[in-house]
Amino acid sequence: MTQEQRLNLLEERVRDLSGLYRSAVKDLQEAQQELTAHLIDTLDQRIARALTQADRETG
């Protein structure tokens, strides 16, 4: 394999890895958004239950 062929192969691998990296970052960002939404929903539910309980206790 010539030096130029090796360089071309390496450049192709770098492009492939860059694409994989960008895809992984996108997937992680989507997962983070889903997790954040889930955590907000969970906290909202807990706050609502706590407020309901406090209302019961205070009459």
C-alpha atoms as a PDB file:
ATOM      1  CA  MET A   1       0.000   0.000   0.000  1.00  0.00           C
ATOM      2  CA  THR A   2       1.375   3.383  -0.943  1.00  0.00           C
ATOM      3  CA  GLN A   3       1.734   6.322   1.393  1.00  0.00           C
ATOM      4  CA  GLU A   4      -1.126   8.108  -0.381  1.00  0.00           C
ATOM      5  CA  GLN A   5      -3.406   5.075  -0.058  1.00  0.00           C
ATOM      6  CA  ARG A   6      -2.648   4.875   3.656  1.00  0.00           C
ATOM      7  CA  LEU A   7      -3.382   8.562   4.045  1.00  0.00           C
ATOM      8  CA  ASN A   8      -6.669   8.178   2.170  1.00  0.00           C
ATOM      9  CA  LEU A   9      -7.625   5.226   4.358  1.00  0.00           C
ATOM     10  CA  LEU A  10      -6.800   7.156   7.512  1.00  0.00           C
ATOM     11  CA  GLU A  11      -8.807  10.156   6.315  1.00  0.00           C
ATOM     12  CA  GLU A  12     -11.768   7.884   5.643  1.00  0.00           C
ATOM     13  CA  ARG A  13     -11.500   6.366   9.110  1.00  0.00           C
ATOM     14  CA  VAL A  14     -11.333   9.825  10.683  1.00  0.00           C
ATOM     15  CA  ARG A  15     -14.504  10.830   8.798  1.00  0.00           C
ATOM     16  CA  ASP A  16     -16.234   7.631   9.950  1.00  0.00           C
ATOM     17  CA  LEU A  17     -15.199   8.193  13.558  1.00  0.00           C
ATOM     18  CA  SER A  18     -16.281  11.829  13.386  1.00  0.00           C
ATOM     19  CA  GLY A  19     -19.693  10.734  12.158  1.00  0.00           C
ATOM     20  CA  LEU A  20     -19.967   8.163  14.930  1.00  0.00           C
ATOM     21  CA  TYR A  21     -18.960  10.777  17.485  1.00  0.00           C
ATOM     22  CA  ARG A  22     -21.552  13.279  16.230  1.00  0.00           C
ATOM     23  CA  SER A  23     -24.207  10.571  16.276  1.00  0.00           C
ATOM     24  CA  ALA A  24     -23.286   9.557  19.822  1.00  0.00           C
ATOM     25  CA  VAL A  25     -23.402  13.174  20.998  1.00  0.00           C
ATOM     26  CA  LYS A  26     -26.835  13.605  19.414  1.00  0.00           C
ATOM     27  CA  ASP A  27     -28.087  10.412  21.078  1.00  0.00           C
ATOM     28  CA  LEU A  28     -26.736  11.558  24.441  1.00  0.00           C
ATOM     29  CA  GLN A  29     -28.392  14.959  24.079  1.00  0.00           C
ATOM     30  CA  GLU A  30     -31.733  13.311  23.283  1.00  0.00           C
ATOM     31  CA  ALA A  31     -31.376  10.979  26.251  1.00  0.00           C
ATOM     32  CA  GLN A  32     -30.511  13.915  28.495  1.00  0.00           C
ATOM     33  CA  GLN A  33     -33.629  15.789  27.345  1.00  0.00           C
ATOM     34  CA  GLU A  34     -35.819  12.745  27.997  1.00  0.00           C
ATOM     35  CA  LEU A  35     -34.281  12.222  31.426  1.00  0.00           C
ATOM     36  CA  THR A  36     -34.714  15.885  32.323  1.00  0.00           C
ATOM     37  CA  ALA A  37     -38.373  15.787  31.274  1.00  0.00           C
ATOM     38  CA  HIS A  38     -38.911  12.620  33.311  1.00  0.00           C
ATOM     39  CA  LEU A  39     -37.247  14.136  36.384  1.00  0.00           C
ATOM     40  CA  ILE A  40     -39.354  17.297  36.096  1.00  0.00           C
ATOM     41  CA  ASP A  41     -42.537  15.208  35.840  1.00  0.00           C
ATOM     42  CA  THR A  42     -41.503  13.141  38.862  1.00  0.00           C
ATOM     43  CA  LEU A  43     -40.740  16.237  40.914  1.00  0.00           C
ATOM     44  CA  ASP A  44     -44.054  17.810  39.900  1.00  0.00           C
ATOM     45  CA  GLN A  45     -45.892  14.691  41.064  1.00  0.00           C
ATOM     46  CA  ARG A  46     -44.041  14.619  44.382  1.00  0.00           C
ATOM     47  CA  ILE A  47     -44.708  18.301  44.997  1.00  0.00           C
ATOM     48  CA  ALA A  48     -48.398  17.820  44.204  1.00  0.00           C
ATOM     49  CA  ARG A  49     -48.615  14.883  46.629  1.00  0.00           C
ATOM     50  CA  ALA A  50     -46.799  16.846  49.327  1.00  0.00           C
ATOM     51  CA  LEU A  51     -49.134  19.810  48.894  1.00  0.00           C
ATOM     52  CA  THR A  52     -52.174  17.533  49.035  1.00  0.00           C
ATOM     53  CA  GLN A  53     -50.841  15.902  52.201  1.00  0.00           C
ATOM     54  CA  ALA A  54     -50.122  19.285  53.764  1.00  0.00           C
ATOM     55  CA  ASP A  55     -53.661  20.451  52.951  1.00  0.00           C
ATOM     56  CA  ARG A  56     -55.099  17.350  54.634  1.00  0.00           C
ATOM     57  CA  GLU A  57     -52.963  17.832  57.717  1.00  0.00           C
ATOM     58  CA  THR A  58     -53.798  21.523  58.090  1.00  0.00           C
ATOM     59  CA  GLY A  59     -57.500  21.007  57.367  1.00  0.00           C
END
